[in-house]
Amino acid sequence: MMLKATTNRSEDDRLGSRSKVLRIRCGRCIQSIFGGAALSLLTMFAICLSAALPVHAQVADRIVAVVNGEIITLFDLNRRFEPVMRQLEGRTLSAADEDRLKAMKRQLLDRMVVDTLLMQEAERLGMRASDAEVEDQIKEMLQQNRMSEERFREELVQQGITRSQYVTELRREISINRLISTRVHNKIAVSDQEIAEYFQANMKHLGSGRTVDLQLILLPPGEDVETLRQRIQRKEIDFAEAARQFSRGPGAQDGGYIGSFAFDQLAPAWKSALQSVSPGEISAPFDLSGGTALLKLVGEATGDAPGPDVAERIRETLAKPKYEEVYSNYIERLKSRAIIDIRM
């Protein structure tokens, strides 16, 4: 079972990006190094929790880092790394594998140092998540996963995590995401000109020519699609509402919106249906997946400009290196003002 607490929509989807990376990074590392299935997301989340997990008895506790007077102990580091070790129990590791594990552990320590710095800064700026905000996030997560509080606690117990420890780490995650949103995300902008220039330079890869932005209604066999089409044309009901009420196709709950497509990559039946349709108009009915379909041409673009979906993909592509640069610079500024002592 995946326990994933999403950030509140009012804080915007952008707040979730960093936490997703934190939850899956170690799993991908383990999979790439040792093969086999990636670790579960809950296991990955457990790596980032201060859970009361057993530490190898032969290792004595000691301080491995101090961040502005806040200590990180070997015990803290080992218990966060323990889920990784559990996944490797029974395997014979080569010397190279052992070296990679040590490197992963050092990377985890570096991540703990950065998270400590970020949490300290969030608290300094009054961005610490409240008890109510944390509980709201847990409630939303339980609803999304159709999970009871009792089942939630059982899942945590299976991972060796108490609810209190989960709350502590979730509070840290929300607080840090809020900080990153205001100090990093808000400083990143991709202009329409940058998008247009990237599109022109990468037409061959992105696809050139006509792109169409579409809504779809797909009715099951036997339904009177022509009557519905006429009702939409008479404005008795709009296309989006008709899709929500009657469509059995993709995007129905989004008003039938299915995105932007390169016209020359559409199936022949779709091309034929759209051939004489102008933006804002509805196609004639055509057969699709055993039913009958209607398409609405929301908009279109020529090869001179990308469609909405392509433009958004370009925006994300261009924003990524900007984010990495701004984030890296921000972390370096925090480190330059901090007193950090790494003892590992």
Protein backbone atom coordinates (compact mmCIF):
# COMPACT_ATOMS: atom_id res chain seq x y z
CA MET A 1 0.00 0.00 0.00
CA MET A 2 1.33 3.40 -0.90
CA LEU A 3 0.93 6.09 1.73
CA LYS A 4 1.40 9.37 -0.04
CA ALA A 5 0.40 12.61 1.61
CA THR A 6 -0.09 15.18 -1.11
CA THR A 7 0.42 18.86 -0.50
CA ASN A 8 -2.68 20.98 -0.14
CA ARG A 9 -4.07 22.17 -3.47
CA SER A 10 -4.28 25.70 -2.12
CA GLU A 11 -0.52 25.68 -1.85
CA ASP A 12 -0.43 24.68 -5.53
CA ASP A 13 0.76 21.42 -7.12
CA ARG A 14 4.26 22.82 -7.33
CA LEU A 15 4.78 22.10 -3.62
CA GLY A 16 4.69 18.38 -4.23
CA SER A 17 7.51 18.14 -6.71
CA ARG A 18 10.36 18.16 -4.25
CA SER A 19 8.77 15.63 -1.91
CA LYS A 20 8.15 13.18 -4.75
CA VAL A 21 11.82 13.33 -5.66
CA LEU A 22 12.85 12.68 -2.05
CA ARG A 23 10.56 9.67 -1.78
CA ILE A 24 11.74 7.84 -4.87
CA ARG A 25 15.39 8.81 -5.21
CA CYS A 26 16.82 6.09 -2.97
CA GLY A 27 14.58 3.44 -4.53
CA ARG A 28 15.91 4.21 -7.98
CA CYS A 29 19.48 4.12 -6.69
CA ILE A 30 18.96 0.68 -5.14
CA GLN A 31 17.29 -0.66 -8.27
CA SER A 32 20.02 0.63 -10.57
CA ILE A 33 22.82 -0.71 -8.38
CA PHE A 34 21.44 -4.07 -7.28
CA GLY A 35 18.68 -4.83 -9.76
CA GLY A 36 15.22 -6.13 -8.96
CA ALA A 37 12.05 -4.24 -8.16
CA ALA A 38 12.28 -0.72 -6.80
CA LEU A 39 11.44 -0.17 -3.15
CA SER A 40 7.89 0.82 -2.29
CA LEU A 41 7.13 4.50 -1.83
CA LEU A 42 6.22 3.92 1.79
CA THR A 43 9.57 2.26 2.33
CA MET A 44 11.26 5.22 0.68
CA PHE A 45 9.29 7.58 2.91
CA ALA A 46 10.45 5.51 5.87
CA ILE A 47 14.05 6.27 4.94
CA CYS A 48 13.30 9.94 5.55
CA LEU A 49 11.59 9.34 8.90
CA SER A 50 13.13 9.26 12.35
CA ALA A 51 11.65 5.84 12.98
CA ALA A 52 12.72 3.68 15.89
CA LEU A 53 14.39 1.07 13.75
CA PRO A 54 17.15 -1.26 14.98
CA VAL A 55 20.74 -0.27 14.36
CA HIS A 56 23.55 -2.77 13.92
CA ALA A 57 24.71 -3.50 17.44
CA GLN A 58 28.37 -3.35 16.63
CA VAL A 59 28.17 0.34 15.61
CA ALA A 60 28.45 2.77 18.52
CA ASP A 61 26.49 6.01 18.33
CA ARG A 62 28.33 9.20 17.62
CA ILE A 63 27.77 12.61 16.05
CA VAL A 64 28.19 12.58 12.27
CA ALA A 65 27.17 16.20 11.58
CA VAL A 66 26.32 19.43 13.36
CA VAL A 67 24.19 22.06 11.61
CA ASN A 68 23.99 25.40 13.40
CA GLY A 69 24.22 23.57 16.70
CA GLU A 70 21.65 20.92 15.75
CA ILE A 71 23.23 17.48 15.78
CA ILE A 72 22.75 14.53 13.46
CA THR A 73 23.90 11.26 14.99
CA LEU A 74 25.05 8.03 13.42
CA PHE A 75 22.00 6.49 15.06
CA ASP A 76 19.76 8.94 13.14
CA LEU A 77 21.56 8.20 9.90
CA ASN A 78 21.49 4.41 10.34
CA ARG A 79 17.83 4.22 11.23
CA ARG A 80 16.94 6.26 8.15
CA PHE A 81 19.14 3.99 6.05
CA GLU A 82 17.82 0.79 7.63
CA PRO A 83 14.98 0.25 5.09
CA VAL A 84 17.60 0.08 2.36
CA MET A 85 19.58 -2.50 4.31
CA ARG A 86 16.44 -4.57 4.89
CA GLN A 87 15.90 -4.80 1.14
CA LEU A 88 19.40 -6.19 0.74
CA GLU A 89 19.23 -8.85 3.45
CA GLY A 90 20.41 -12.22 2.18
CA ARG A 91 22.22 -10.79 -0.82
CA THR A 92 25.92 -11.21 -1.38
CA LEU A 93 27.40 -7.81 -2.09
CA SER A 94 30.63 -7.24 -3.93
CA ALA A 95 33.27 -4.76 -2.80
CA ALA A 96 31.97 -2.37 -5.47
CA ASP A 97 28.45 -2.75 -4.07
CA GLU A 98 29.72 -1.97 -0.57
CA ASP A 99 31.43 1.16 -1.90
CA ARG A 100 28.20 2.25 -3.58
CA LEU A 101 26.29 1.70 -0.35
CA LYS A 102 28.76 3.91 1.50
CA ALA A 103 28.32 6.57 -1.17
CA MET A 104 24.55 6.32 -0.85
CA LYS A 105 24.81 6.70 2.91
CA ARG A 106 26.96 9.79 2.54
CA GLN A 107 24.44 11.21 0.04
CA LEU A 108 21.68 10.56 2.57
CA LEU A 109 23.68 12.42 5.23
CA ASP A 110 24.14 15.35 2.85
CA ARG A 111 20.38 15.32 2.25
CA MET A 112 19.75 15.32 6.01
CA VAL A 113 22.06 18.30 6.41
CA VAL A 114 20.24 20.22 3.67
CA ASP A 115 16.83 19.31 5.11
CA THR A 116 17.97 20.48 8.53
CA LEU A 117 19.08 23.80 7.04
CA LEU A 118 15.81 24.20 5.16
CA MET A 119 13.68 23.37 8.19
CA GLN A 120 15.64 25.82 10.30
CA GLU A 121 15.06 28.51 7.68
CA ALA A 122 11.36 27.66 7.41
CA GLU A 123 10.98 28.02 11.16
CA ARG A 124 12.92 31.29 11.14
CA LEU A 125 10.58 32.70 8.50
CA GLY A 126 7.42 31.49 10.24
CA MET A 127 6.63 28.84 7.63
CA ARG A 128 6.41 25.88 9.99
CA ALA A 129 3.30 23.80 9.25
CA SER A 130 0.68 23.84 11.99
CA ASP A 131 -0.88 20.78 13.61
CA ALA A 132 -4.12 21.49 11.73
CA GLU A 133 -2.34 21.65 8.36
CA VAL A 134 -0.58 18.35 8.98
CA GLU A 135 -3.78 16.60 10.05
CA ASP A 136 -5.59 18.00 7.01
CA GLN A 137 -2.92 16.48 4.78
CA ILE A 138 -3.25 13.10 6.47
CA LYS A 139 -7.04 13.26 6.17
CA GLU A 140 -6.76 14.05 2.44
CA MET A 141 -4.30 11.21 1.93
CA LEU A 142 -6.59 8.73 3.70
CA GLN A 143 -9.54 9.83 1.58
CA GLN A 144 -7.56 9.51 -1.65
CA ASN A 145 -6.43 6.01 -0.71
CA ARG A 146 -9.84 5.02 0.74
CA MET A 147 -8.07 4.08 3.93
CA SER A 148 -9.29 4.15 7.52
CA GLU A 149 -7.26 5.61 10.37
CA GLU A 150 -6.90 2.10 11.77
CA ARG A 151 -5.56 0.72 8.50
CA PHE A 152 -3.21 3.71 8.23
CA ARG A 153 -1.71 2.91 11.63
CA GLU A 154 -1.35 -0.75 10.68
CA GLU A 155 0.60 0.22 7.55
CA LEU A 156 2.89 2.42 9.62
CA VAL A 157 3.49 -0.36 12.14
CA GLN A 158 4.52 -2.70 9.32
CA GLN A 159 7.22 -0.18 8.40
CA GLY A 160 8.30 0.34 12.01
CA ILE A 161 6.95 3.90 12.07
CA THR A 162 4.69 5.44 14.68
CA ARG A 163 1.99 7.92 13.76
CA SER A 164 3.82 10.59 15.74
CA GLN A 165 6.98 10.05 13.71
CA TYR A 166 5.01 10.19 10.47
CA VAL A 167 3.45 13.48 11.61
CA THR A 168 6.86 14.90 12.45
CA GLU A 169 8.30 14.13 9.03
CA LEU A 170 5.16 15.27 7.20
CA ARG A 171 5.33 18.57 9.07
CA ARG A 172 8.94 18.93 7.97
CA GLU A 173 8.01 18.12 4.37
CA ILE A 174 5.14 20.62 4.21
CA SER A 175 7.25 23.34 5.82
CA ILE A 176 10.20 22.81 3.49
CA ASN A 177 7.97 22.66 0.43
CA ARG A 178 6.42 25.96 1.43
CA LEU A 179 9.86 27.50 1.82
CA ILE A 180 11.03 26.16 -1.56
CA SER A 181 7.87 27.45 -3.19
CA THR A 182 8.45 31.02 -2.06
CA ARG A 183 12.22 31.10 -2.31
CA VAL A 184 12.79 29.00 -5.45
CA HIS A 185 9.68 28.25 -7.52
CA ASN A 186 8.42 31.82 -7.45
CA LYS A 187 11.70 33.04 -8.91
CA ILE A 188 11.48 30.82 -12.01
CA ALA A 189 9.83 32.16 -15.15
CA VAL A 190 9.71 30.86 -18.71
CA SER A 191 8.59 33.45 -21.24
CA ASP A 192 6.38 32.84 -24.27
CA GLN A 193 9.31 33.94 -26.42
CA GLU A 194 11.55 31.25 -24.92
CA ILE A 195 8.84 28.66 -25.62
CA ALA A 196 8.44 29.85 -29.21
CA GLU A 197 12.20 29.81 -29.84
CA TYR A 198 12.54 26.31 -28.38
CA PHE A 199 9.63 25.11 -30.50
CA GLN A 200 11.16 26.50 -33.67
CA ALA A 201 14.54 24.94 -32.88
CA ASN A 202 13.07 21.53 -32.04
CA MET A 203 10.19 21.17 -34.49
CA LYS A 204 11.48 17.88 -35.84
CA HIS A 205 11.47 16.35 -32.37
CA LEU A 206 8.24 17.97 -31.14
CA GLY A 207 6.29 17.59 -34.34
CA SER A 208 5.47 20.37 -36.75
CA GLY A 209 2.42 21.23 -38.80
CA ARG A 210 -1.14 21.56 -37.57
CA THR A 211 -1.94 20.72 -33.96
CA VAL A 212 -5.49 20.42 -32.67
CA ASP A 213 -6.90 20.88 -29.18
CA LEU A 214 -9.82 18.48 -28.67
CA GLN A 215 -12.78 17.54 -26.52
CA LEU A 216 -14.41 14.13 -26.94
CA ILE A 217 -17.82 12.59 -26.25
CA LEU A 218 -18.01 8.82 -26.65
CA LEU A 219 -21.46 7.23 -26.39
CA PRO A 220 -22.11 3.50 -26.05
CA PRO A 221 -23.89 1.63 -28.86
CA GLY A 222 -27.56 2.45 -29.23
CA GLU A 223 -27.39 5.97 -27.80
CA ASP A 224 -28.90 8.77 -29.91
CA VAL A 225 -25.75 10.73 -30.65
CA GLU A 226 -27.31 12.90 -33.37
CA THR A 227 -29.98 14.22 -30.99
CA LEU A 228 -27.29 15.07 -28.45
CA ARG A 229 -25.25 16.80 -31.16
CA GLN A 230 -28.25 18.92 -32.13
CA ARG A 231 -28.90 19.88 -28.49
CA ILE A 232 -25.31 21.07 -28.20
CA GLN A 233 -25.58 23.07 -31.42
CA ARG A 234 -28.84 24.67 -30.21
CA LYS A 235 -26.97 25.58 -26.98
CA GLU A 236 -29.44 23.65 -24.83
CA ILE A 237 -26.39 22.05 -23.24
CA ASP A 238 -22.73 22.82 -23.74
CA PHE A 239 -20.23 20.24 -24.94
CA ALA A 240 -18.40 20.00 -21.60
CA GLU A 241 -21.55 19.37 -19.59
CA ALA A 242 -22.76 16.81 -22.15
CA ALA A 243 -19.43 15.02 -21.84
CA ARG A 244 -19.66 14.93 -18.06
CA GLN A 245 -23.21 13.57 -18.17
CA PHE A 246 -23.15 11.13 -21.08
CA SER A 247 -19.62 10.34 -22.28
CA ARG A 248 -17.97 7.00 -21.55
CA GLY A 249 -14.67 8.09 -23.02
CA PRO A 250 -11.45 9.55 -21.61
CA GLY A 251 -11.59 12.99 -20.05
CA ALA A 252 -15.34 12.79 -19.39
CA GLN A 253 -15.04 14.31 -15.92
CA ASP A 254 -12.94 17.11 -17.40
CA GLY A 255 -15.66 18.07 -19.83
CA GLY A 256 -14.32 15.68 -22.46
CA TYR A 257 -11.01 17.53 -22.79
CA ILE A 258 -8.34 15.11 -24.03
CA GLY A 259 -5.49 17.48 -24.97
CA SER A 260 -3.53 18.66 -28.00
CA PHE A 261 -2.45 16.40 -30.86
CA ALA A 262 -0.46 16.64 -34.05
CA PHE A 263 -3.12 16.43 -36.74
CA ASP A 264 -1.04 14.20 -39.00
CA GLN A 265 -0.68 11.65 -36.18
CA LEU A 266 -4.42 11.21 -35.62
CA ALA A 267 -6.21 8.06 -36.74
CA PRO A 268 -7.80 8.31 -40.18
CA ALA A 269 -11.34 8.38 -38.76
CA TRP A 270 -10.44 11.34 -36.53
CA LYS A 271 -8.80 13.21 -39.38
CA SER A 272 -11.84 12.68 -41.55
CA ALA A 273 -14.21 13.85 -38.81
CA LEU A 274 -12.19 17.05 -38.28
CA GLN A 275 -11.37 17.79 -41.89
CA SER A 276 -13.95 20.58 -42.38
CA VAL A 277 -14.40 21.57 -38.72
CA SER A 278 -13.37 25.05 -37.56
CA PRO A 279 -12.35 25.99 -34.00
CA GLY A 280 -15.39 25.96 -31.73
CA GLU A 281 -17.35 23.60 -33.98
CA ILE A 282 -18.40 19.97 -33.48
CA SER A 283 -17.65 17.10 -35.82
CA ALA A 284 -20.15 14.74 -37.36
CA PRO A 285 -20.60 11.48 -35.42
CA PHE A 286 -18.12 8.68 -36.22
CA ASP A 287 -17.49 5.14 -34.97
CA LEU A 288 -14.93 4.74 -32.21
CA SER A 289 -14.15 1.77 -29.93
CA GLY A 290 -17.51 0.12 -30.57
CA GLY A 291 -19.42 3.31 -29.80
CA THR A 292 -20.14 6.61 -31.48
CA ALA A 293 -18.02 9.71 -30.95
CA LEU A 294 -18.25 13.46 -31.32
CA LEU A 295 -15.23 15.75 -31.36
CA LYS A 296 -15.12 19.44 -30.57
CA LEU A 297 -12.24 21.39 -32.05
CA VAL A 298 -11.34 23.66 -29.13
CA GLY A 299 -8.49 25.31 -30.99
CA GLU A 300 -5.68 24.70 -33.42
CA ALA A 301 -2.20 25.91 -34.20
CA THR A 302 -0.08 25.92 -37.31
CA GLY A 303 3.56 24.90 -37.43
CA ASP A 304 4.56 28.42 -36.36
CA ALA A 305 3.44 27.93 -32.73
CA PRO A 306 3.00 24.96 -30.38
CA GLY A 307 -0.38 23.78 -29.14
CA PRO A 308 -1.22 24.13 -25.42
CA ASP A 309 0.02 20.69 -24.37
CA VAL A 310 3.26 21.02 -26.35
CA ALA A 311 3.80 24.50 -24.94
CA GLU A 312 3.38 23.17 -21.41
CA ARG A 313 5.89 20.39 -22.04
CA ILE A 314 8.35 22.95 -23.39
CA ARG A 315 7.75 25.16 -20.36
CA GLU A 316 8.55 22.27 -18.04
CA THR A 317 11.66 21.37 -20.04
CA LEU A 318 12.97 24.94 -19.89
CA ALA A 319 12.04 25.40 -16.24
CA LYS A 320 13.94 22.33 -15.01
CA PRO A 321 17.51 23.66 -15.43
CA LYS A 322 16.39 27.04 -14.10
CA TYR A 323 14.95 25.38 -11.02
CA GLU A 324 18.10 23.37 -10.45
CA GLU A 325 20.25 26.48 -10.72
CA VAL A 326 18.08 28.62 -8.44
CA TYR A 327 17.69 25.80 -5.92
CA SER A 328 21.41 25.05 -5.90
CA ASN A 329 22.27 28.73 -5.42
CA TYR A 330 19.73 29.04 -2.62
CA ILE A 331 21.15 26.03 -0.79
CA GLU A 332 24.67 27.40 -1.20
CA ARG A 333 23.59 30.72 0.31
CA LEU A 334 22.09 28.93 3.29
CA LYS A 335 25.26 26.91 3.71
CA SER A 336 27.46 30.02 3.48
CA ARG A 337 25.63 31.54 6.44
CA ALA A 338 25.58 28.32 8.46
CA ILE A 339 28.06 26.55 10.68
CA ILE A 340 28.24 22.97 9.42
CA ASP A 341 30.57 20.31 10.77
CA ILE A 342 30.57 16.96 8.93
CA ARG A 343 32.27 14.24 10.94
CA MET A 344 31.85 11.23 8.67
